[in-house]
Amino acid sequence: MQLRDKTGLDRHLLVAIAARARAYGALAIANDDIGNAPFCDGVHLGQDDVRGNSLTVLRERLAGKIFGLSCGTPAEACIAAAAGVDYVGVGPMFATATKSDAGGPIGAAGVRAVVRYAGAPVVAIGGITAARMPMVRETGAQMAAVSSALSGAPDPRAAATELVRAWA
């Protein structure tokens, strides 16, 4: 589970959510702030979050933690892999309203290109629904991140079940 709050995650809340996630066998990954690493299982950073920092140094700072990085191009994925990230997030694969600064969709071809060069597991992100899951799988991505497919569903549990079924 990735915890994302652009206004800043409250550390006490982060610790409580991470504990709850672990109780269900899930990992808690904080978004955008390496300072949250001690309170969860890892951190996911975007390209803007790492500007001016060495990915290798960030990897060292995150020793023992999961380190995910958003990459939009094969070149960014190659650099991330060389630094030892644990996974690469790529997208948006489809148009999405969840993240206003996500940029335009890169489609299956864009995800496929990053998969080819990532050297780490790839998470496809953006506009993913159960109906689109077969197309996501065909790119070679090992995982799919969903937000609005769950949060916008009248029955999130049923939506999660359908997403898992569609992936399998």
C-alpha atoms as a PDB file:
ATOM      1  CA  MET A   1       0.000   0.000   0.000  1.00  0.00           C
ATOM      2  CA  GLN A   2       1.410   3.392  -0.909  1.00  0.00           C
ATOM      3  CA  LEU A   3       0.583   6.255   1.439  1.00  0.00           C
ATOM      4  CA  ARG A   4       0.352   9.554  -0.382  1.00  0.00           C
ATOM      5  CA  ASP A   5      -0.474  12.974   1.016  1.00  0.00           C
ATOM      6  CA  LYS A   6       1.046  15.987  -0.726  1.00  0.00           C
ATOM      7  CA  THR A   7       0.472  18.127   2.371  1.00  0.00           C
ATOM      8  CA  GLY A   8       2.724  15.829   4.414  1.00  0.00           C
ATOM      9  CA  LEU A   9       2.062  12.588   6.210  1.00  0.00           C
ATOM     10  CA  ASP A  10       1.556  12.847   9.951  1.00  0.00           C
ATOM     11  CA  ARG A  11       4.174  10.516  11.461  1.00  0.00           C
ATOM     12  CA  HIS A  12       1.821   9.096  14.113  1.00  0.00           C
ATOM     13  CA  LEU A  13      -0.779   8.338  11.458  1.00  0.00           C
ATOM     14  CA  LEU A  14       1.895   6.840   9.193  1.00  0.00           C
ATOM     15  CA  VAL A  15       3.068   4.505  11.966  1.00  0.00           C
ATOM     16  CA  ALA A  16      -0.520   3.439  12.710  1.00  0.00           C
ATOM     17  CA  ILE A  17      -1.334   2.804   9.035  1.00  0.00           C
ATOM     18  CA  ALA A  18       1.926   0.906   8.515  1.00  0.00           C
ATOM     19  CA  ALA A  19       1.132  -1.332  11.491  1.00  0.00           C
ATOM     20  CA  ARG A  20      -2.366  -1.983  10.152  1.00  0.00           C
ATOM     21  CA  ALA A  21      -1.012  -2.788   6.685  1.00  0.00           C
ATOM     22  CA  ARG A  22       1.484  -5.261   8.141  1.00  0.00           C
ATOM     23  CA  ALA A  23      -1.295  -6.910  10.173  1.00  0.00           C
ATOM     24  CA  TYR A  24      -2.935  -7.734   6.832  1.00  0.00           C
ATOM     25  CA  GLY A  25       0.301  -8.919   5.245  1.00  0.00           C
ATOM     26  CA  ALA A  26       0.792  -5.759   3.198  1.00  0.00           C
ATOM     27  CA  LEU A  27       3.706  -3.351   2.988  1.00  0.00           C
ATOM     28  CA  ALA A  28       3.414   0.371   3.683  1.00  0.00           C
ATOM     29  CA  ILE A  29       5.327   2.605   1.270  1.00  0.00           C
ATOM     30  CA  ALA A  30       5.447   6.356   1.940  1.00  0.00           C
ATOM     31  CA  ASN A  31       5.390   8.674  -1.043  1.00  0.00           C
ATOM     32  CA  ASP A  32       7.681  11.609  -1.843  1.00  0.00           C
ATOM     33  CA  ASP A  33       9.561  11.952   1.455  1.00  0.00           C
ATOM     34  CA  ILE A  34      12.677   9.935   2.303  1.00  0.00           C
ATOM     35  CA  GLY A  35      12.345  11.219   5.875  1.00  0.00           C
ATOM     36  CA  ASN A  36       9.388   8.870   6.340  1.00  0.00           C
ATOM     37  CA  ALA A  37      11.509   5.760   5.695  1.00  0.00           C
ATOM     38  CA  PRO A  38      12.060   4.898   9.382  1.00  0.00           C
ATOM     39  CA  PHE A  39       8.298   4.732   9.933  1.00  0.00           C
ATOM     40  CA  CYS A  40       7.327   2.354   7.133  1.00  0.00           C
ATOM     41  CA  ASP A  41       8.625  -0.381   4.838  1.00  0.00           C
ATOM     42  CA  GLY A  42       9.941   1.901   2.141  1.00  0.00           C
ATOM     43  CA  VAL A  43       9.640   5.057   0.106  1.00  0.00           C
ATOM     44  CA  HIS A  44       8.528   5.845  -3.427  1.00  0.00           C
ATOM     45  CA  LEU A  45      10.076   8.936  -4.964  1.00  0.00           C
ATOM     46  CA  GLY A  46       9.356  10.856  -8.133  1.00  0.00           C
ATOM     47  CA  GLN A  47      11.922  12.403 -10.436  1.00  0.00           C
ATOM     48  CA  ASP A  48      11.315  15.830  -8.846  1.00  0.00           C
ATOM     49  CA  ASP A  49      11.968  14.344  -5.390  1.00  0.00           C
ATOM     50  CA  VAL A  50      15.454  13.158  -6.371  1.00  0.00           C
ATOM     51  CA  ARG A  51      16.668  16.156  -8.395  1.00  0.00           C
ATOM     52  CA  GLY A  52      20.131  17.133  -7.269  1.00  0.00           C
ATOM     53  CA  ASN A  53      20.588  13.914  -5.301  1.00  0.00           C
ATOM     54  CA  SER A  54      22.554  10.836  -6.221  1.00  0.00           C
ATOM     55  CA  LEU A  55      20.291   7.816  -6.563  1.00  0.00           C
ATOM     56  CA  THR A  56      23.135   5.685  -5.253  1.00  0.00           C
ATOM     57  CA  VAL A  57      23.365   7.816  -2.092  1.00  0.00           C
ATOM     58  CA  LEU A  58      19.589   7.662  -1.678  1.00  0.00           C
ATOM     59  CA  ARG A  59      19.759   3.861  -2.067  1.00  0.00           C
ATOM     60  CA  GLU A  60      22.392   3.769   0.689  1.00  0.00           C
ATOM     61  CA  ARG A  61      20.240   5.963   2.942  1.00  0.00           C
ATOM     62  CA  LEU A  62      17.360   3.562   2.368  1.00  0.00           C
ATOM     63  CA  ALA A  63      19.354   0.432   3.230  1.00  0.00           C
ATOM     64  CA  GLY A  64      16.964  -2.240   4.430  1.00  0.00           C
ATOM     65  CA  LYS A  65      13.967  -0.377   3.020  1.00  0.00           C
ATOM     66  CA  ILE A  66      12.130  -0.652  -0.276  1.00  0.00           C
ATOM     67  CA  PHE A  67      13.093   2.077  -2.739  1.00  0.00           C
ATOM     68  CA  GLY A  68      10.727   2.772  -5.615  1.00  0.00           C
ATOM     69  CA  LEU A  69      11.224   5.441  -8.259  1.00  0.00           C
ATOM     70  CA  SER A  70       8.902   6.897 -10.879  1.00  0.00           C
ATOM     71  CA  CYS A  71      10.423   6.740 -14.350  1.00  0.00           C
ATOM     72  CA  GLY A  72       8.826   7.975 -17.538  1.00  0.00           C
ATOM     73  CA  THR A  73      11.473   6.965 -20.035  1.00  0.00           C
ATOM     74  CA  PRO A  74      13.772   4.019 -20.706  1.00  0.00           C
ATOM     75  CA  ALA A  75      16.775   6.270 -19.930  1.00  0.00           C
ATOM     76  CA  GLU A  76      15.417   7.112 -16.468  1.00  0.00           C
ATOM     77  CA  ALA A  77      14.714   3.404 -15.889  1.00  0.00           C
ATOM     78  CA  CYS A  78      18.302   2.463 -16.798  1.00  0.00           C
ATOM     79  CA  ILE A  79      19.686   5.031 -14.358  1.00  0.00           C
ATOM     80  CA  ALA A  80      17.309   3.811 -11.636  1.00  0.00           C
ATOM     81  CA  ALA A  81      18.303   0.179 -12.188  1.00  0.00           C
ATOM     82  CA  ALA A  82      22.004   1.041 -12.018  1.00  0.00           C
ATOM     83  CA  ALA A  83      21.393   2.731  -8.654  1.00  0.00           C
ATOM     84  CA  GLY A  84      19.680  -0.377  -7.292  1.00  0.00           C
ATOM     85  CA  VAL A  85      16.067   0.696  -6.912  1.00  0.00           C
ATOM     86  CA  ASP A  86      13.724  -2.124  -5.913  1.00  0.00           C
ATOM     87  CA  TYR A  87      11.017  -1.226  -8.412  1.00  0.00           C
ATOM     88  CA  VAL A  88      10.151   1.352 -11.044  1.00  0.00           C
ATOM     89  CA  GLY A  89       6.765   3.038 -11.316  1.00  0.00           C
ATOM     90  CA  VAL A  90       5.828   4.076 -14.849  1.00  0.00           C
ATOM     91  CA  GLY A  91       2.925   5.998 -16.272  1.00  0.00           C
ATOM     92  CA  PRO A  92       0.427   7.240 -16.557  1.00  0.00           C
ATOM     93  CA  MET A  93      -0.430   4.378 -18.860  1.00  0.00           C
ATOM     94  CA  PHE A  94      -3.908   5.821 -19.403  1.00  0.00           C
ATOM     95  CA  ALA A  95      -5.383   9.255 -18.707  1.00  0.00           C
ATOM     96  CA  THR A  96      -5.977   9.815 -15.019  1.00  0.00           C
ATOM     97  CA  ALA A  97      -7.546  12.498 -12.874  1.00  0.00           C
ATOM     98  CA  THR A  98      -6.003  11.123  -9.661  1.00  0.00           C
ATOM     99  CA  LYS A  99      -2.743  13.020 -10.088  1.00  0.00           C
ATOM    100  CA  SER A 100      -3.057  16.428 -11.755  1.00  0.00           C
ATOM    101  CA  ASP A 101       0.636  16.689 -12.698  1.00  0.00           C
ATOM    102  CA  ALA A 102       0.954  13.158 -14.089  1.00  0.00           C
ATOM    103  CA  GLY A 103       1.333  14.295 -17.684  1.00  0.00           C
ATOM    104  CA  GLY A 104      -0.214  12.693 -20.718  1.00  0.00           C
ATOM    105  CA  PRO A 105      -0.693   8.957 -21.065  1.00  0.00           C
ATOM    106  CA  ILE A 106       2.273   6.998 -22.416  1.00  0.00           C
ATOM    107  CA  GLY A 107       0.161   4.001 -23.382  1.00  0.00           C
ATOM    108  CA  ALA A 108       1.144   0.370 -23.558  1.00  0.00           C
ATOM    109  CA  ALA A 109       4.114   1.127 -25.836  1.00  0.00           C
ATOM    110  CA  GLY A 110       5.584   3.569 -23.298  1.00  0.00           C
ATOM    111  CA  VAL A 111       5.222   1.105 -20.432  1.00  0.00           C
ATOM    112  CA  ARG A 112       6.644  -1.703 -22.579  1.00  0.00           C
ATOM    113  CA  ALA A 113       9.703   0.431 -23.421  1.00  0.00           C
ATOM    114  CA  VAL A 114      10.416   1.110 -19.743  1.00  0.00           C
ATOM    115  CA  VAL A 115       9.907  -2.576 -18.871  1.00  0.00           C
ATOM    116  CA  ARG A 116      12.528  -3.482 -21.478  1.00  0.00           C
ATOM    117  CA  TYR A 117      15.192  -1.307 -19.809  1.00  0.00           C
ATOM    118  CA  ALA A 118      14.168  -1.180 -16.153  1.00  0.00           C
ATOM    119  CA  GLY A 119      16.229  -4.036 -14.766  1.00  0.00           C
ATOM    120  CA  ALA A 120      13.823  -4.007 -11.807  1.00  0.00           C
ATOM    121  CA  PRO A 121      10.148  -4.917 -11.393  1.00  0.00           C
ATOM    122  CA  VAL A 122       7.834  -2.377 -13.038  1.00  0.00           C
ATOM    123  CA  VAL A 123       4.580  -1.025 -11.646  1.00  0.00           C
ATOM    124  CA  ALA A 124       2.219   0.381 -14.286  1.00  0.00           C
ATOM    125  CA  ILE A 125       0.358   3.428 -12.980  1.00  0.00           C
ATOM    126  CA  GLY A 126      -2.473   5.627 -14.159  1.00  0.00           C
ATOM    127  CA  GLY A 127      -6.072   5.062 -15.214  1.00  0.00           C
ATOM    128  CA  ILE A 128      -5.925   1.324 -14.624  1.00  0.00           C
ATOM    129  CA  THR A 129      -9.224  -0.506 -14.276  1.00  0.00           C
ATOM    130  CA  ALA A 130     -10.170  -4.175 -14.222  1.00  0.00           C
ATOM    131  CA  ALA A 131     -11.202  -3.944 -17.882  1.00  0.00           C
ATOM    132  CA  ARG A 132      -7.747  -2.592 -18.796  1.00  0.00           C
ATOM    133  CA  MET A 133      -5.797  -5.097 -16.704  1.00  0.00           C
ATOM    134  CA  PRO A 134      -5.135  -7.558 -19.568  1.00  0.00           C
ATOM    135  CA  MET A 135      -3.502  -4.740 -21.561  1.00  0.00           C
ATOM    136  CA  VAL A 136      -1.388  -3.832 -18.518  1.00  0.00           C
ATOM    137  CA  ARG A 137      -0.225  -7.451 -18.146  1.00  0.00           C
ATOM    138  CA  GLU A 138       0.693  -7.598 -21.855  1.00  0.00           C
ATOM    139  CA  THR A 139       3.245  -4.797 -21.367  1.00  0.00           C
ATOM    140  CA  GLY A 140       5.364  -7.028 -19.140  1.00  0.00           C
ATOM    141  CA  ALA A 141       4.781  -4.883 -16.053  1.00  0.00           C
ATOM    142  CA  GLN A 142       4.931  -7.042 -12.942  1.00  0.00           C
ATOM    143  CA  MET A 143       2.462  -4.947 -10.953  1.00  0.00           C
ATOM    144  CA  ALA A 144      -0.308  -2.402 -11.385  1.00  0.00           C
ATOM    145  CA  ALA A 145      -1.079   0.504  -9.075  1.00  0.00           C
ATOM    146  CA  VAL A 146      -4.692   1.558  -8.762  1.00  0.00           C
ATOM    147  CA  SER A 147      -6.336   4.369  -6.888  1.00  0.00           C
ATOM    148  CA  SER A 148      -9.586   5.635  -8.402  1.00  0.00           C
ATOM    149  CA  ALA A 149     -10.603   2.101  -9.438  1.00  0.00           C
ATOM    150  CA  LEU A 150     -10.935   1.433  -5.712  1.00  0.00           C
ATOM    151  CA  SER A 151     -11.644   4.801  -4.138  1.00  0.00           C
ATOM    152  CA  GLY A 152     -14.329   5.636  -6.715  1.00  0.00           C
ATOM    153  CA  ALA A 153     -16.027   2.253  -6.555  1.00  0.00           C
ATOM    154  CA  PRO A 154     -19.361   1.884  -4.776  1.00  0.00           C
ATOM    155  CA  ASP A 155     -18.044  -1.387  -3.298  1.00  0.00           C
ATOM    156  CA  PRO A 156     -14.235  -1.154  -2.943  1.00  0.00           C
ATOM    157  CA  ARG A 157     -13.954  -4.749  -1.709  1.00  0.00           C
ATOM    158  CA  ALA A 158     -15.755  -6.077  -4.801  1.00  0.00           C
ATOM    159  CA  ALA A 159     -13.643  -3.782  -6.997  1.00  0.00           C
ATOM    160  CA  ALA A 160     -10.441  -5.117  -5.411  1.00  0.00           C
ATOM    161  CA  THR A 161     -11.588  -8.678  -5.957  1.00  0.00           C
ATOM    162  CA  GLU A 162     -12.333  -7.917  -9.618  1.00  0.00           C
ATOM    163  CA  LEU A 163      -8.940  -6.233 -10.103  1.00  0.00           C
ATOM    164  CA  VAL A 164      -7.131  -9.265  -8.671  1.00  0.00           C
ATOM    165  CA  ARG A 165      -9.218 -11.608 -10.841  1.00  0.00           C
ATOM    166  CA  ALA A 166      -8.506  -9.519 -13.928  1.00  0.00           C
ATOM    167  CA  TRP A 167      -4.761  -9.549 -13.188  1.00  0.00           C
ATOM    168  CA  ALA A 168      -4.716 -13.333 -12.728  1.00  0.00           C
END
